[in-house]
Protein backbone atom coordinates (compact mmCIF):
# COMPACT_ATOMS: atom_id res chain seq x y z
CA UNK A 1 134.32 -5.27 22.44
CA UNK A 2 133.26 -2.25 20.00
CA UNK A 3 135.22 -2.46 17.11
CA UNK A 4 134.12 -5.08 14.40
CA UNK A 5 135.31 -8.53 15.60
CA UNK A 6 135.72 -11.34 13.10
CA UNK A 7 134.45 -14.60 14.64
CA UNK A 8 135.53 -18.26 13.47
CA UNK A 9 132.84 -20.93 14.66
CA UNK A 10 133.56 -24.91 14.48
CA UNK A 11 130.49 -26.59 13.95
CA UNK A 12 130.31 -30.29 15.09
CA UNK A 13 129.95 -29.37 19.49
CA UNK A 14 130.03 -25.55 19.13
CA UNK A 15 127.32 -24.48 16.62
CA UNK A 16 125.52 -28.28 16.34
CA UNK A 17 125.26 -29.76 19.66
CA UNK A 18 126.00 -33.74 19.44
CA UNK A 19 122.47 -34.92 17.94
CA UNK A 20 123.04 -32.56 14.96
CA UNK A 21 120.67 -30.02 16.57
CA UNK A 22 121.65 -26.04 16.26
CA UNK A 23 119.75 -24.31 19.16
CA UNK A 24 117.64 -21.86 18.24
CA UNK A 25 119.97 -19.37 20.82
CA UNK A 26 123.41 -19.75 18.72
CA UNK A 27 121.06 -19.09 15.39
CA UNK A 28 119.88 -15.76 17.01
CA UNK A 29 123.24 -14.86 18.39
CA UNK A 30 124.73 -15.04 14.96
CA UNK A 31 122.39 -13.31 13.20
CA UNK A 32 122.37 -10.44 15.96
CA UNK A 33 126.15 -10.27 16.14
CA UNK A 34 126.29 -10.17 11.89
CA UNK A 35 123.20 -7.55 12.01
CA UNK A 36 125.86 -5.88 14.48
CA UNK A 37 128.70 -5.59 11.79
CA UNK A 38 130.77 -8.23 13.14
CA UNK A 39 131.80 -11.15 10.63
CA UNK A 40 130.88 -14.69 10.96
CA UNK A 41 132.87 -17.70 9.45
CA UNK A 42 132.23 -21.39 9.70
CA UNK A 43 135.65 -23.29 10.36
CA UNK A 44 135.01 -26.70 10.24
CA UNK A 45 136.19 -30.10 9.30
CA UNK A 46 133.05 -30.49 7.51
CA UNK A 47 134.20 -29.97 3.41
CA UNK A 48 130.91 -27.25 1.48
CA UNK A 49 128.87 -30.79 0.91
CA UNK A 50 128.67 -31.65 4.36
CA UNK A 51 127.00 -28.26 5.01
CA UNK A 52 123.38 -28.97 4.84
CA UNK A 53 120.81 -26.47 4.26
CA UNK A 54 119.71 -25.56 8.27
CA UNK A 55 123.34 -24.44 8.82
CA UNK A 56 123.58 -22.64 5.37
CA UNK A 57 120.48 -20.79 6.77
CA UNK A 58 121.94 -19.15 9.79
CA UNK A 59 123.53 -16.52 7.75
CA UNK A 60 127.73 -16.73 7.36
CA UNK A 61 130.20 -14.02 6.04
CA UNK A 62 131.94 -17.53 4.40
CA UNK A 63 133.21 -20.85 5.13
CA UNK A 64 136.55 -22.60 6.17
CA UNK A 65 136.66 -26.08 5.39
CA UNK A 66 137.90 -29.40 5.22
CA UNK A 67 139.89 -28.72 8.27
CA UNK A 68 141.44 -25.40 6.38
CA UNK A 69 142.32 -26.78 3.21
CA UNK A 70 139.78 -24.63 1.59
CA UNK A 71 138.55 -20.60 2.39
CA UNK A 72 135.25 -19.05 1.02
CA UNK A 73 134.46 -14.99 1.83
CA UNK A 74 131.37 -13.83 0.27
CA UNK A 75 131.17 -16.37 -2.21
CA UNK A 76 134.44 -16.19 -3.73
CA UNK A 77 137.14 -18.92 -3.38
CA UNK A 78 140.07 -17.64 -1.52
CA UNK A 79 142.14 -20.72 -1.12
CA UNK A 80 141.37 -24.78 -1.84
CA UNK A 81 144.34 -26.81 -1.41
CA UNK A 82 143.28 -30.88 -2.56
CA UNK A 83 145.05 -34.17 -2.48
CA UNK A 84 146.63 -35.19 -5.33
CA UNK A 85 145.35 -37.60 -7.78
CA UNK A 86 148.50 -39.68 -7.28
CA UNK A 87 148.24 -39.36 -3.55
CA UNK A 88 144.20 -40.48 -4.15
CA UNK A 89 145.42 -43.50 -5.61
CA UNK A 90 147.97 -44.37 -2.95
CA UNK A 91 145.76 -43.83 -0.12
CA UNK A 92 142.83 -45.91 -1.92
CA UNK A 93 145.14 -48.79 -2.64
CA UNK A 94 146.48 -48.57 1.13
CA UNK A 95 143.18 -48.58 2.62
CA UNK A 96 141.75 -51.57 0.34
CA UNK A 97 145.40 -53.16 0.88
CA UNK A 98 144.38 -53.18 4.94
CA UNK A 99 141.08 -54.28 4.25
CA UNK A 100 139.87 -51.00 5.72
CA UNK A 101 136.78 -49.06 4.94
CA UNK A 102 136.32 -45.33 4.27
CA UNK A 103 135.24 -42.31 2.70
CA UNK A 104 136.47 -39.46 0.15
CA UNK A 105 135.70 -35.72 1.29
CA UNK A 106 135.16 -33.59 -1.58
CA UNK A 107 133.22 -30.18 -2.49
CA UNK A 108 130.53 -31.90 -4.38
CA UNK A 109 130.47 -35.06 -2.38
CA UNK A 110 131.27 -37.60 -0.06
CA UNK A 111 132.17 -40.94 -1.82
CA UNK A 112 131.93 -44.10 -0.25
CA UNK A 113 134.05 -47.40 -0.64
CA UNK A 114 132.51 -50.49 -1.45
CA UNK A 115 131.56 -51.50 2.10
CA UNK A 116 131.54 -48.73 3.58
CA UNK A 117 127.95 -48.63 4.60
CA UNK A 118 127.75 -51.91 6.76
CA UNK A 119 131.67 -51.54 8.04
CA UNK A 120 130.43 -48.11 9.60
CA UNK A 121 127.02 -48.80 11.58
CA UNK A 122 128.50 -50.35 14.74
CA UNK A 123 131.28 -47.56 14.84
CA UNK A 124 128.75 -44.65 13.79
CA UNK A 125 126.42 -46.19 16.95
CA UNK A 126 129.27 -46.41 19.16
CA UNK A 127 130.32 -42.60 18.19
CA UNK A 128 126.66 -41.35 18.71
CA UNK A 129 126.35 -43.23 21.94
CA UNK A 130 129.36 -41.25 23.14
CA UNK A 131 128.09 -37.85 22.01
CA UNK A 132 124.45 -39.39 24.08
CA UNK A 133 122.36 -39.35 20.96
CA UNK A 134 119.31 -41.22 21.89
CA UNK A 135 118.69 -44.20 20.46
CA UNK A 136 122.31 -44.39 19.03
CA UNK A 137 122.48 -48.40 19.12
CA UNK A 138 119.74 -48.37 16.24
CA UNK A 139 120.66 -46.15 14.13
CA UNK A 140 121.86 -46.69 10.14
CA UNK A 141 125.06 -45.40 8.51
CA UNK A 142 122.91 -42.79 6.65
CA UNK A 143 121.11 -41.70 9.69
CA UNK A 144 124.38 -40.47 10.71
CA UNK A 145 126.60 -39.63 7.36
CA UNK A 146 124.14 -37.80 5.31
CA UNK A 147 124.79 -37.91 1.51
CA UNK A 148 127.23 -40.44 1.41
CA UNK A 149 127.75 -41.63 -2.42
CA UNK A 150 128.00 -45.10 -3.05
CA UNK A 151 129.58 -46.99 -6.46
CA UNK A 152 131.26 -43.61 -7.72
CA UNK A 153 135.02 -44.11 -8.75
CA UNK A 154 137.42 -43.70 -5.72
CA UNK A 155 140.41 -42.55 -7.41
CA UNK A 156 139.59 -38.58 -8.25
CA UNK A 157 141.55 -35.23 -7.69
CA UNK A 158 139.09 -32.93 -5.70
CA UNK A 159 139.54 -34.57 -2.50
CA UNK A 160 140.46 -31.97 0.80
CA UNK A 161 140.56 -35.19 2.82
CA UNK A 162 139.70 -38.88 3.84
CA UNK A 163 138.51 -40.64 6.57
CA UNK A 164 138.95 -44.19 7.17
CA UNK A 165 137.63 -46.90 9.85
CA UNK A 166 140.60 -47.84 12.54
CA UNK A 167 140.42 -51.51 13.21
CA UNK A 168 143.09 -50.47 15.58
CA UNK A 169 145.29 -47.45 16.82
CA UNK A 170 148.09 -48.83 14.65
CA UNK A 171 146.37 -48.23 11.32
CA UNK A 172 146.47 -44.25 12.60
CA UNK A 173 150.15 -45.04 13.38
CA UNK A 174 150.85 -47.11 10.23
CA UNK A 175 149.39 -44.32 8.63
CA UNK A 176 151.81 -41.65 9.92
CA UNK A 177 154.79 -43.83 8.33
CA UNK A 178 153.21 -44.57 5.05
CA UNK A 179 152.11 -41.20 4.03
CA UNK A 180 154.44 -38.32 5.25
CA UNK A 181 153.48 -36.48 2.75
CA UNK A 182 149.94 -35.94 4.38
CA UNK A 183 148.84 -34.54 7.77
CA UNK A 184 147.39 -37.83 9.44
CA UNK A 185 144.66 -37.29 12.46
CA UNK A 186 141.80 -39.11 14.34
CA UNK A 187 138.42 -38.09 15.04
CA UNK A 188 135.64 -39.86 17.44
CA UNK A 189 137.36 -40.50 20.69
CA UNK A 190 140.08 -39.15 22.50
CA UNK A 191 144.24 -40.38 21.96
CA UNK A 192 144.09 -44.30 21.69
CA UNK A 193 139.98 -44.14 21.59
CA UNK A 194 139.46 -43.16 18.18
CA UNK A 195 137.28 -44.80 15.44
CA UNK A 196 138.26 -42.86 12.61
CA UNK A 197 141.54 -41.78 11.10
CA UNK A 198 142.04 -38.91 8.48
CA UNK A 199 144.20 -37.94 6.03
CA UNK A 200 144.74 -34.59 4.72
CA UNK A 201 147.39 -32.09 2.50
CA UNK A 202 150.17 -31.51 4.27
CA UNK A 203 150.24 -28.53 6.70
CA UNK A 204 146.95 -27.52 6.58
CA UNK A 205 145.28 -26.70 9.56
CA UNK A 206 142.51 -24.42 10.67
CA UNK A 207 145.06 -21.90 11.79
CA UNK A 208 146.70 -21.78 8.16
CA UNK A 209 142.85 -20.55 7.09
CA UNK A 210 142.14 -18.23 9.58
CA UNK A 211 145.27 -16.84 8.25
CA UNK A 212 144.73 -17.22 4.55
CA UNK A 213 141.35 -15.03 5.07
CA UNK A 214 142.97 -12.30 7.41
CA UNK A 215 145.48 -11.69 4.51
CA UNK A 216 142.65 -11.45 1.73
CA UNK A 217 140.21 -9.41 3.99
CA UNK A 218 143.49 -6.98 4.93
CA UNK A 219 141.99 -7.53 8.75
CA UNK A 220 143.74 -6.89 12.01
CA UNK A 221 144.33 -10.00 14.65
CA UNK A 222 143.53 -8.33 17.06
CA UNK A 223 139.85 -8.15 15.85
CA UNK A 224 139.50 -11.90 15.62
CA UNK A 225 137.46 -14.59 17.99
CA UNK A 226 137.50 -18.15 17.75
CA UNK A 227 134.92 -20.77 19.13
CA UNK A 228 135.82 -24.18 19.29
CA UNK A 229 135.35 -27.20 21.55
CA UNK A 230 137.96 -29.77 19.92
CA UNK A 231 141.48 -30.59 20.17
CA UNK A 232 141.96 -30.17 16.62
CA UNK A 233 140.55 -26.44 17.16
CA UNK A 234 143.30 -25.35 19.57
CA UNK A 235 145.69 -23.90 16.66
CA UNK A 236 142.32 -21.87 15.15
CA UNK A 237 142.05 -20.52 19.75
CA UNK A 238 145.98 -19.49 19.38
CA UNK A 239 145.30 -18.26 15.62
CA UNK A 240 142.55 -15.63 17.42
CA UNK A 241 143.40 -12.90 19.32
CA UNK A 242 140.27 -14.23 21.78
CA UNK A 243 139.57 -18.00 22.25
CA UNK A 244 136.56 -19.34 23.77
CA UNK A 245 135.94 -22.95 24.27
CA UNK A 246 132.51 -24.80 24.75
CA UNK A 247 131.80 -25.66 28.08
CA UNK A 248 130.74 -29.42 26.87
CA UNK A 249 134.07 -29.64 24.44
CA UNK A 250 137.29 -31.24 26.00
CA UNK A 251 140.00 -30.58 28.89
CA UNK A 252 142.83 -29.89 26.29
CA UNK A 253 140.06 -27.40 24.09
CA UNK A 254 139.20 -25.52 27.17
CA UNK A 255 143.01 -25.58 28.61
CA UNK A 256 143.79 -23.22 25.70
CA UNK A 257 140.81 -20.99 25.85
CA UNK A 258 140.72 -17.68 27.28
CA UNK A 259 137.26 -17.91 28.22
CA UNK A 260 134.93 -21.09 28.64
CA UNK A 261 131.37 -20.48 28.10
CA UNK A 262 128.48 -22.73 29.11
CA UNK A 263 127.64 -25.82 27.05
CA UNK A 264 126.37 -26.16 23.44
CA UNK A 265 122.98 -26.76 24.19
CA UNK A 266 123.42 -24.78 27.27
CA UNK A 267 123.42 -21.29 24.90
CA UNK A 268 126.38 -21.52 25.06
CA UNK A 269 127.28 -19.36 21.85
CA UNK A 270 124.84 -16.65 23.17
CA UNK A 271 125.81 -16.58 26.66
CA UNK A 272 129.90 -16.24 24.76
CA UNK A 273 128.76 -13.42 22.47
CA UNK A 274 127.31 -11.77 25.54
CA UNK A 275 130.17 -11.90 27.55
CA UNK A 276 132.44 -10.52 24.74
CA UNK A 277 130.25 -7.59 24.01
CA UNK A 278 128.88 -9.03 20.41
CA UNK A 279 125.54 -8.90 21.16
CA UNK A 280 123.20 -7.55 24.28
CA UNK A 281 121.37 -9.82 26.67
C-alpha cells in the first residue's frame, strides 16, 4: 500500500486490550502511519465523553462515535444524529417500568439511572472476568465505568444511545418490539449470554458513519482500511476496501475480515500495519 489510506480503528478490543490498556506498539503504529501521511480515525461505540485523555493523546484525524451516530474530522462535526427528546422519555419510562437500570450516553456525559451503580456492580464484574481482567470480582462500578454522572435529569435531548442491564435476554427481544423506531442491540457477550441491551438512532451503523466521512472528504473507498474485533464492527469491515480482525476477536468478525492479525495485546495493530505496508518494521 503506497497511496494515502484512511484507517478506521475500533477502540475496545482493537486499540485497547480487554483491561483498557493501550499497547505501546499500537500507539507507535498509529503515530508512525500518520507521520507517513495516512489518516487515522477512531470508529467506536463510545460517545465523545467516554474518550479518556490517554486515548486522545495518541493523535487521530477524527472520531466516528456512538456506533456511527457522530462523525468528527479535523475538529469539525460532520454529522451528529440524536435520539429525540420524545424517544428518550419513552425509553426512560419503559426501563423504569420494567425495573431495569441504565445509563444515557451523550457527548456531554454518561448519565446513570437511580440504582445503576449498585445494580451494575455484579454485571460489570462478570463482563471484566470474561475479558480476563485480573481481580475482576473485586471491581466497583466506577472502576469500569469512568465519568458516570449520578442524579442528573434523565429526560434529555442530547443522547447518542442508551445502554441498560438485561435481567434476561427477553428484555432485549421486548425492546425490539417496543422501539421499532430505534436500533436495538446487545453487548457484553454473544447471543443470549449478553449482559446489556442498547438502543440508538435507527439506521445508524459504523458503515453509515464511514460513508458519511468519505463523502465529506471526497475520498475513494478503495483507500479505506477497517480494524475491529467484534460482531458490531462487521458493517464497518464490509464498508471498507480492506478489513482486518484482531486475533483476539470474535469468530464472526474474523470470518468477515480479509486478514486476521495477532491478538490485541500481542502487537496486533503494529503487525497489521506492517503487513499492509502502512509502516515499516
